[in-house]
């Protein structure tokens, strides 16, 4: 089973994917920034993007759950809403 979540932040697209056999992946503008292969423990991934003023913003994403999988995304320590697409 594959799950996917997408968020738009300024002019950036952040995508988080989860697959039983390929693990969890964090993409920013279609560029892979982190991946995890943990099947039991919650997944924590990090990345970054450049803000409107040229500053580097930290991204944190985590996936948890077993029967129902959920994802949370934080940019610069602020929660960002995700839309599940798969």
PDB file of N, CA and C in Angstrom:
ATOM      1  N   UNK A   1       0.838  -1.171   0.000  1.00  0.00           N
ATOM      2  CA  UNK A   1       0.000   0.000   0.000  1.00  0.00           C
ATOM      3  C   UNK A   1       0.889   1.243   0.000  1.00  0.00           C
ATOM      4  N   UNK A   2       0.528   2.249  -0.801  1.00  0.00           N
ATOM      5  CA  UNK A   2       1.289   3.488  -0.880  1.00  0.00           C
ATOM      6  C   UNK A   2       0.401   4.646  -0.448  1.00  0.00           C
ATOM      7  N   UNK A   3       0.981   5.535   0.366  1.00  0.00           N
ATOM      8  CA  UNK A   3       0.294   6.761   0.779  1.00  0.00           C
ATOM      9  C   UNK A   3       1.143   7.941   0.334  1.00  0.00           C
ATOM     10  N   UNK A   4       0.470   9.074   0.057  1.00  0.00           N
ATOM     11  CA  UNK A   4       1.182  10.262  -0.396  1.00  0.00           C
ATOM     12  C   UNK A   4       0.473  11.503   0.136  1.00  0.00           C
ATOM     13  N   UNK A   5       1.256  12.479   0.590  1.00  0.00           N
ATOM     14  CA  UNK A   5       0.727  13.752   1.076  1.00  0.00           C
ATOM     15  C   UNK A   5       1.493  14.866   0.385  1.00  0.00           C
ATOM     16  N   UNK A   6       0.786  15.961   0.078  1.00  0.00           N
ATOM     17  CA  UNK A   6       1.406  17.109  -0.600  1.00  0.00           C
ATOM     18  C   UNK A   6       0.998  18.386   0.116  1.00  0.00           C
ATOM     19  N   UNK A   7       1.971  19.297   0.225  1.00  0.00           N
ATOM     20  CA  UNK A   7       1.711  20.629   0.777  1.00  0.00           C
ATOM     21  C   UNK A   7       2.373  21.651  -0.128  1.00  0.00           C
ATOM     22  N   UNK A   8       1.742  22.799  -0.241  1.00  0.00           N
ATOM     23  CA  UNK A   8       2.330  23.930  -0.959  1.00  0.00           C
ATOM     24  C   UNK A   8       2.781  24.936   0.097  1.00  0.00           C
ATOM     25  N   UNK A   9       3.990  25.428  -0.025  1.00  0.00           N
ATOM     26  CA  UNK A   9       4.522  26.433   0.894  1.00  0.00           C
ATOM     27  C   UNK A   9       5.223  27.483   0.054  1.00  0.00           C
ATOM     28  N   UNK A  10       4.630  28.677  -0.013  1.00  0.00           N
ATOM     29  CA  UNK A  10       5.077  29.730  -0.921  1.00  0.00           C
ATOM     30  C   UNK A  10       5.090  29.151  -2.330  1.00  0.00           C
ATOM     31  N   UNK A  11       6.202  29.120  -3.014  1.00  0.00           N
ATOM     32  CA  UNK A  11       6.255  28.564  -4.365  1.00  0.00           C
ATOM     33  C   UNK A  11       6.855  27.167  -4.384  1.00  0.00           C
ATOM     34  N   UNK A  12       6.848  26.497  -3.245  1.00  0.00           N
ATOM     35  CA  UNK A  12       7.466  25.179  -3.120  1.00  0.00           C
ATOM     36  C   UNK A  12       6.410  24.098  -2.937  1.00  0.00           C
ATOM     37  N   UNK A  13       6.717  22.910  -3.451  1.00  0.00           N
ATOM     38  CA  UNK A  13       5.862  21.755  -3.228  1.00  0.00           C
ATOM     39  C   UNK A  13       6.627  20.753  -2.374  1.00  0.00           C
ATOM     40  N   UNK A  14       6.027  20.371  -1.263  1.00  0.00           N
ATOM     41  CA  UNK A  14       6.604  19.368  -0.372  1.00  0.00           C
ATOM     42  C   UNK A  14       5.748  18.124  -0.480  1.00  0.00           C
ATOM     43  N   UNK A  15       6.404  16.989  -0.740  1.00  0.00           N
ATOM     44  CA  UNK A  15       5.680  15.727  -0.890  1.00  0.00           C
ATOM     45  C   UNK A  15       6.301  14.692   0.042  1.00  0.00           C
ATOM     46  N   UNK A  16       5.438  13.968   0.744  1.00  0.00           N
ATOM     47  CA  UNK A  16       5.868  12.886   1.622  1.00  0.00           C
ATOM     48  C   UNK A  16       5.175  11.619   1.133  1.00  0.00           C
ATOM     49  N   UNK A  17       5.955  10.563   0.929  1.00  0.00           N
ATOM     50  CA  UNK A  17       5.390   9.299   0.472  1.00  0.00           C
ATOM     51  C   UNK A  17       5.719   8.192   1.463  1.00  0.00           C
ATOM     52  N   UNK A  18       4.861   7.197   1.497  1.00  0.00           N
ATOM     53  CA  UNK A  18       5.039   6.046   2.365  1.00  0.00           C
ATOM     54  C   UNK A  18       4.657   4.796   1.592  1.00  0.00           C
ATOM     55  N   UNK A  19       5.536   3.816   1.580  1.00  0.00           N
ATOM     56  CA  UNK A  19       5.279   2.553   0.898  1.00  0.00           C
ATOM     57  C   UNK A  19       5.836   1.425   1.759  1.00  0.00           C
ATOM     58  N   UNK A  20       5.116   0.332   1.828  1.00  0.00           N
ATOM     59  CA  UNK A  20       5.562  -0.801   2.635  1.00  0.00           C
ATOM     60  C   UNK A  20       6.938  -1.302   2.228  1.00  0.00           C
ATOM     61  N   UNK A  21       7.226  -1.318   0.948  1.00  0.00           N
ATOM     62  CA  UNK A  21       8.472  -1.911   0.483  1.00  0.00           C
ATOM     63  C   UNK A  21       9.562  -0.896   0.153  1.00  0.00           C
ATOM     64  N   UNK A  22       9.194   0.364  -0.062  1.00  0.00           N
ATOM     65  CA  UNK A  22      10.185   1.389  -0.406  1.00  0.00           C
ATOM     66  C   UNK A  22      10.415   2.393   0.711  1.00  0.00           C
ATOM     67  N   UNK A  23       9.711   2.267   1.825  1.00  0.00           N
ATOM     68  CA  UNK A  23       9.921   3.148   2.963  1.00  0.00           C
ATOM     69  C   UNK A  23       9.249   4.499   2.807  1.00  0.00           C
ATOM     70  N   UNK A  24       9.727   5.466   3.598  1.00  0.00           N
ATOM     71  CA  UNK A  24       9.173   6.813   3.596  1.00  0.00           C
ATOM     72  C   UNK A  24      10.166   7.762   2.933  1.00  0.00           C
ATOM     73  N   UNK A  25       9.644   8.737   2.182  1.00  0.00           N
ATOM     74  CA  UNK A  25      10.512   9.686   1.479  1.00  0.00           C
ATOM     75  C   UNK A  25       9.946  11.092   1.579  1.00  0.00           C
ATOM     76  N   UNK A  26      10.852  12.056   1.683  1.00  0.00           N
ATOM     77  CA  UNK A  26      10.510  13.477   1.734  1.00  0.00           C
ATOM     78  C   UNK A  26      11.122  14.153   0.516  1.00  0.00           C
ATOM     79  N   UNK A  27      10.262  14.794  -0.275  1.00  0.00           N
ATOM     80  CA  UNK A  27      10.700  15.518  -1.470  1.00  0.00           C
ATOM     81  C   UNK A  27      10.362  16.995  -1.330  1.00  0.00           C
ATOM     82  N   UNK A  28      11.255  17.846  -1.807  1.00  0.00           N
ATOM     83  CA  UNK A  28      10.979  19.271  -1.936  1.00  0.00           C
ATOM     84  C   UNK A  28      11.220  19.623  -3.390  1.00  0.00           C
ATOM     85  N   UNK A  29      10.170  20.104  -4.055  1.00  0.00           N
ATOM     86  CA  UNK A  29      10.233  20.420  -5.488  1.00  0.00           C
ATOM     87  C   UNK A  29      10.784  19.232  -6.289  1.00  0.00           C
ATOM     88  N   UNK A  30      10.264  18.042  -5.985  1.00  0.00           N
ATOM     89  CA  UNK A  30      10.617  16.782  -6.655  1.00  0.00           C
ATOM     90  C   UNK A  30      12.063  16.344  -6.433  1.00  0.00           C
ATOM     91  N   UNK A  31      12.752  16.947  -5.476  1.00  0.00           N
ATOM     92  CA  UNK A  31      14.108  16.539  -5.146  1.00  0.00           C
ATOM     93  C   UNK A  31      14.080  15.814  -3.805  1.00  0.00           C
ATOM     94  N   UNK A  32      14.590  14.586  -3.787  1.00  0.00           N
ATOM     95  CA  UNK A  32      14.610  13.783  -2.568  1.00  0.00           C
ATOM     96  C   UNK A  32      15.529  14.429  -1.540  1.00  0.00           C
ATOM     97  N   UNK A  33      14.986  14.654  -0.317  1.00  0.00           N
ATOM     98  CA  UNK A  33      15.793  15.259   0.738  1.00  0.00           C
ATOM     99  C   UNK A  33      16.057  14.313   1.901  1.00  0.00           C
ATOM    100  N   UNK A  34      15.190  13.331   2.111  1.00  0.00           N
ATOM    101  CA  UNK A  34      15.417  12.365   3.186  1.00  0.00           C
ATOM    102  C   UNK A  34      14.587  11.120   2.907  1.00  0.00           C
ATOM    103  N   UNK A  35      15.038   9.996   3.458  1.00  0.00           N
ATOM    104  CA  UNK A  35      14.276   8.761   3.344  1.00  0.00           C
ATOM    105  C   UNK A  35      14.560   7.884   4.551  1.00  0.00           C
ATOM    106  N   UNK A  36      13.576   7.085   4.919  1.00  0.00           N
ATOM    107  CA  UNK A  36      13.673   6.177   6.063  1.00  0.00           C
ATOM    108  C   UNK A  36      13.133   4.818   5.642  1.00  0.00           C
ATOM    109  N   UNK A  37      13.669   3.791   6.243  1.00  0.00           N
ATOM    110  CA  UNK A  37      13.199   2.440   5.960  1.00  0.00           C
ATOM    111  C   UNK A  37      12.675   1.772   7.215  1.00  0.00           C
ATOM    112  N   UNK A  38      12.242   2.556   8.195  1.00  0.00           N
ATOM    113  CA  UNK A  38      11.745   1.982   9.450  1.00  0.00           C
ATOM    114  C   UNK A  38      10.320   1.484   9.259  1.00  0.00           C
ATOM    115  N   UNK A  39      10.065   0.249   9.657  1.00  0.00           N
ATOM    116  CA  UNK A  39       8.751  -0.352   9.489  1.00  0.00           C
ATOM    117  C   UNK A  39       7.959  -0.386  10.789  1.00  0.00           C
ATOM    118  N   UNK A  40       8.645  -0.358  11.918  1.00  0.00           N
ATOM    119  CA  UNK A  40       7.976  -0.493  13.208  1.00  0.00           C
ATOM    120  C   UNK A  40       7.833   0.855  13.908  1.00  0.00           C
ATOM    121  N   UNK A  41       8.924   1.593  14.012  1.00  0.00           N
ATOM    122  CA  UNK A  41       8.922   2.855  14.759  1.00  0.00           C
ATOM    123  C   UNK A  41       8.443   4.003  13.877  1.00  0.00           C
ATOM    124  N   UNK A  42       7.947   5.081  14.484  1.00  0.00           N
ATOM    125  CA  UNK A  42       7.538   6.246  13.692  1.00  0.00           C
ATOM    126  C   UNK A  42       8.725   6.809  12.909  1.00  0.00           C
ATOM    127  N   UNK A  43       8.449   7.277  11.721  1.00  0.00           N
ATOM    128  CA  UNK A  43       9.475   7.812  10.844  1.00  0.00           C
ATOM    129  C   UNK A  43       9.623   9.309  11.065  1.00  0.00           C
ATOM    130  N   UNK A  44      10.864   9.784  11.204  1.00  0.00           N
ATOM    131  CA  UNK A  44      11.159  11.205  11.324  1.00  0.00           C
ATOM    132  C   UNK A  44      12.129  11.584  10.220  1.00  0.00           C
ATOM    133  N   UNK A  45      11.709  12.524   9.370  1.00  0.00           N
ATOM    134  CA  UNK A  45      12.548  12.948   8.255  1.00  0.00           C
ATOM    135  C   UNK A  45      12.765  14.451   8.328  1.00  0.00           C
ATOM    136  N   UNK A  46      13.909  14.907   7.813  1.00  0.00           N
ATOM    137  CA  UNK A  46      14.223  16.330   7.821  1.00  0.00           C
ATOM    138  C   UNK A  46      14.690  16.771   6.441  1.00  0.00           C
ATOM    139  N   UNK A  47      14.530  18.046   6.190  1.00  0.00           N
ATOM    140  CA  UNK A  47      14.985  18.640   4.950  1.00  0.00           C
ATOM    141  C   UNK A  47      15.026  20.145   5.131  1.00  0.00           C
ATOM    142  N   UNK A  48      15.180  20.863   4.034  1.00  0.00           N
ATOM    143  CA  UNK A  48      15.152  22.326   4.103  1.00  0.00           C
ATOM    144  C   UNK A  48      14.733  22.904   2.772  1.00  0.00           C
ATOM    145  N   UNK A  49      14.345  24.155   2.836  1.00  0.00           N
ATOM    146  CA  UNK A  49      14.031  24.908   1.625  1.00  0.00           C
ATOM    147  C   UNK A  49      14.424  26.354   1.862  1.00  0.00           C
ATOM    148  N   UNK A  50      14.477  27.114   0.805  1.00  0.00           N
ATOM    149  CA  UNK A  50      14.845  28.523   0.900  1.00  0.00           C
ATOM    150  C   UNK A  50      13.569  29.351   0.940  1.00  0.00           C
ATOM    151  N   UNK A  51      13.453  30.204   1.970  1.00  0.00           N
ATOM    152  CA  UNK A  51      12.277  31.049   2.152  1.00  0.00           C
ATOM    153  C   UNK A  51      12.263  32.228   1.196  1.00  0.00           C
ATOM    154  N   UNK A  52      11.221  33.038   1.307  1.00  0.00           N
ATOM    155  CA  UNK A  52      11.041  34.185   0.411  1.00  0.00           C
ATOM    156  C   UNK A  52      12.176  35.198   0.513  1.00  0.00           C
ATOM    157  N   UNK A  53      12.777  35.325   1.689  1.00  0.00           N
ATOM    158  CA  UNK A  53      13.847  36.300   1.895  1.00  0.00           C
ATOM    159  C   UNK A  53      15.238  35.676   1.788  1.00  0.00           C
ATOM    160  N   UNK A  54      15.316  34.468   1.245  1.00  0.00           N
ATOM    161  CA  UNK A  54      16.595  33.802   1.064  1.00  0.00           C
ATOM    162  C   UNK A  54      17.084  33.036   2.278  1.00  0.00           C
ATOM    163  N   UNK A  55      16.271  32.988   3.330  1.00  0.00           N
ATOM    164  CA  UNK A  55      16.683  32.275   4.537  1.00  0.00           C
ATOM    165  C   UNK A  55      16.418  30.782   4.395  1.00  0.00           C
ATOM    166  N   UNK A  56      17.235  30.000   5.078  1.00  0.00           N
ATOM    167  CA  UNK A  56      17.074  28.547   5.055  1.00  0.00           C
ATOM    168  C   UNK A  56      16.046  28.153   6.104  1.00  0.00           C
ATOM    169  N   UNK A  57      15.002  27.437   5.678  1.00  0.00           N
ATOM    170  CA  UNK A  57      13.943  26.983   6.574  1.00  0.00           C
ATOM    171  C   UNK A  57      14.045  25.473   6.756  1.00  0.00           C
ATOM    172  N   UNK A  58      13.940  25.021   7.986  1.00  0.00           N
ATOM    173  CA  UNK A  58      14.005  23.594   8.287  1.00  0.00           C
ATOM    174  C   UNK A  58      12.638  22.944   8.107  1.00  0.00           C
ATOM    175  N   UNK A  59      12.654  21.734   7.593  1.00  0.00           N
ATOM    176  CA  UNK A  59      11.445  20.936   7.402  1.00  0.00           C
ATOM    177  C   UNK A  59      11.564  19.691   8.271  1.00  0.00           C
ATOM    178  N   UNK A  60      10.485  19.358   8.965  1.00  0.00           N
ATOM    179  CA  UNK A  60      10.394  18.108   9.716  1.00  0.00           C
ATOM    180  C   UNK A  60       9.110  17.419   9.290  1.00  0.00           C
ATOM    181  N   UNK A  61       9.200  16.151   8.999  1.00  0.00           N
ATOM    182  CA  UNK A  61       8.014  15.370   8.647  1.00  0.00           C
ATOM    183  C   UNK A  61       8.075  14.058   9.404  1.00  0.00           C
ATOM    184  N   UNK A  62       6.921  13.600   9.868  1.00  0.00           N
ATOM    185  CA  UNK A  62       6.889  12.280  10.481  1.00  0.00           C
ATOM    186  C   UNK A  62       5.628  11.553  10.079  1.00  0.00           C
ATOM    187  N   UNK A  63       5.800  10.259   9.943  1.00  0.00           N
ATOM    188  CA  UNK A  63       4.713   9.355   9.566  1.00  0.00           C
ATOM    189  C   UNK A  63       4.557   8.357  10.697  1.00  0.00           C
ATOM    190  N   UNK A  64       3.315   8.105  11.067  1.00  0.00           N
ATOM    191  CA  UNK A  64       3.068   7.111  12.106  1.00  0.00           C
ATOM    192  C   UNK A  64       1.778   6.368  11.810  1.00  0.00           C
ATOM    193  N   UNK A  65       1.624   5.238  12.477  1.00  0.00           N
ATOM    194  CA  UNK A  65       0.426   4.435  12.310  1.00  0.00           C
ATOM    195  C   UNK A  65       0.753   3.096  11.689  1.00  0.00           C
ATOM    196  N   UNK A  66      -0.198   2.204  11.788  1.00  0.00           N
ATOM    197  CA  UNK A  66      -0.011   0.876  11.209  1.00  0.00           C
ATOM    198  C   UNK A  66      -1.157   0.556  10.255  1.00  0.00           C
ATOM    199  N   UNK A  67      -2.381   0.515  10.764  1.00  0.00           N
ATOM    200  CA  UNK A  67      -3.539   0.273   9.894  1.00  0.00           C
ATOM    201  C   UNK A  67      -3.961   1.557   9.189  1.00  0.00           C
ATOM    202  N   UNK A  68      -3.934   2.665   9.919  1.00  0.00           N
ATOM    203  CA  UNK A  68      -4.211   3.983   9.358  1.00  0.00           C
ATOM    204  C   UNK A  68      -2.950   4.817   9.516  1.00  0.00           C
ATOM    205  N   UNK A  69      -2.388   5.266   8.413  1.00  0.00           N
ATOM    206  CA  UNK A  69      -1.138   6.007   8.436  1.00  0.00           C
ATOM    207  C   UNK A  69      -1.446   7.498   8.382  1.00  0.00           C
ATOM    208  N   UNK A  70      -0.742   8.267   9.229  1.00  0.00           N
ATOM    209  CA  UNK A  70      -0.915   9.717   9.220  1.00  0.00           C
ATOM    210  C   UNK A  70       0.446  10.386   9.085  1.00  0.00           C
ATOM    211  N   UNK A  71       0.424  11.620   8.617  1.00  0.00           N
ATOM    212  CA  UNK A  71       1.656  12.366   8.388  1.00  0.00           C
ATOM    213  C   UNK A  71       1.497  13.772   8.952  1.00  0.00           C
ATOM    214  N   UNK A  72       2.570  14.263   9.563  1.00  0.00           N
ATOM    215  CA  UNK A  72       2.608  15.629  10.063  1.00  0.00           C
ATOM    216  C   UNK A  72       3.831  16.322   9.473  1.00  0.00           C
ATOM    217  N   UNK A  73       3.665  17.616   9.144  1.00  0.00           N
ATOM    218  CA  UNK A  73       4.723  18.391   8.512  1.00  0.00           C
ATOM    219  C   UNK A  73       4.897  19.706   9.253  1.00  0.00           C
ATOM    220  N   UNK A  74       6.150  20.057   9.539  1.00  0.00           N
ATOM    221  CA  UNK A  74       6.479  21.330  10.182  1.00  0.00           C
ATOM    222  C   UNK A  74       7.548  22.029   9.357  1.00  0.00           C
ATOM    223  N   UNK A  75       7.337  23.313   9.097  1.00  0.00           N
ATOM    224  CA  UNK A  75       8.331  24.134   8.423  1.00  0.00           C
ATOM    225  C   UNK A  75       8.669  25.278   9.355  1.00  0.00           C
ATOM    226  N   UNK A  76       9.946  25.391   9.672  1.00  0.00           N
ATOM    227  CA  UNK A  76      10.431  26.408  10.596  1.00  0.00           C
ATOM    228  C   UNK A  76       9.652  26.348  11.919  1.00  0.00           C
ATOM    229  N   UNK A  77       9.399  25.128  12.392  1.00  0.00           N
ATOM    230  CA  UNK A  77       8.688  24.831  13.647  1.00  0.00           C
ATOM    231  C   UNK A  77       7.215  25.243  13.656  1.00  0.00           C
ATOM    232  N   UNK A  78       6.620  25.441  12.495  1.00  0.00           N
ATOM    233  CA  UNK A  78       5.190  25.742  12.379  1.00  0.00           C
ATOM    234  C   UNK A  78       4.508  24.622  11.599  1.00  0.00           C
ATOM    235  N   UNK A  79       3.396  24.125  12.138  1.00  0.00           N
ATOM    236  CA  UNK A  79       2.694  23.030  11.474  1.00  0.00           C
ATOM    237  C   UNK A  79       2.073  23.513  10.162  1.00  0.00           C
ATOM    238  N   UNK A  80       2.239  22.694   9.133  1.00  0.00           N
ATOM    239  CA  UNK A  80       1.720  22.993   7.801  1.00  0.00           C
ATOM    240  C   UNK A  80       0.719  21.900   7.444  1.00  0.00           C
ATOM    241  N   UNK A  81      -0.421  22.305   6.933  1.00  0.00           N
ATOM    242  CA  UNK A  81      -1.453  21.336   6.554  1.00  0.00           C
ATOM    243  C   UNK A  81      -1.051  20.603   5.287  1.00  0.00           C
ATOM    244  N   UNK A  82      -1.290  19.311   5.303  1.00  0.00           N
ATOM    245  CA  UNK A  82      -1.024  18.448   4.157  1.00  0.00           C
ATOM    246  C   UNK A  82      -2.338  17.944   3.575  1.00  0.00           C
ATOM    247  N   UNK A  83      -2.310  17.659   2.291  1.00  0.00           N
ATOM    248  CA  UNK A  83      -3.456  17.035   1.637  1.00  0.00           C
ATOM    249  C   UNK A  83      -3.034  15.639   1.211  1.00  0.00           C
ATOM    250  N   UNK A  84      -3.782  14.626   1.672  1.00  0.00           N
ATOM    251  CA  UNK A  84      -3.457  13.258   1.274  1.00  0.00           C
ATOM    252  C   UNK A  84      -4.008  13.027  -0.115  1.00  0.00           C
ATOM    253  N   UNK A  85      -3.131  12.584  -1.038  1.00  0.00           N
ATOM    254  CA  UNK A  85      -3.548  12.367  -2.419  1.00  0.00           C
ATOM    255  C   UNK A  85      -3.680  10.883  -2.762  1.00  0.00           C
ATOM    256  N   UNK A  86      -3.093   9.996  -1.953  1.00  0.00           N
ATOM    257  CA  UNK A  86      -3.183   8.554  -2.177  1.00  0.00           C
ATOM    258  C   UNK A  86      -3.326   7.867  -0.846  1.00  0.00           C
TER     259      UNK A  86
END
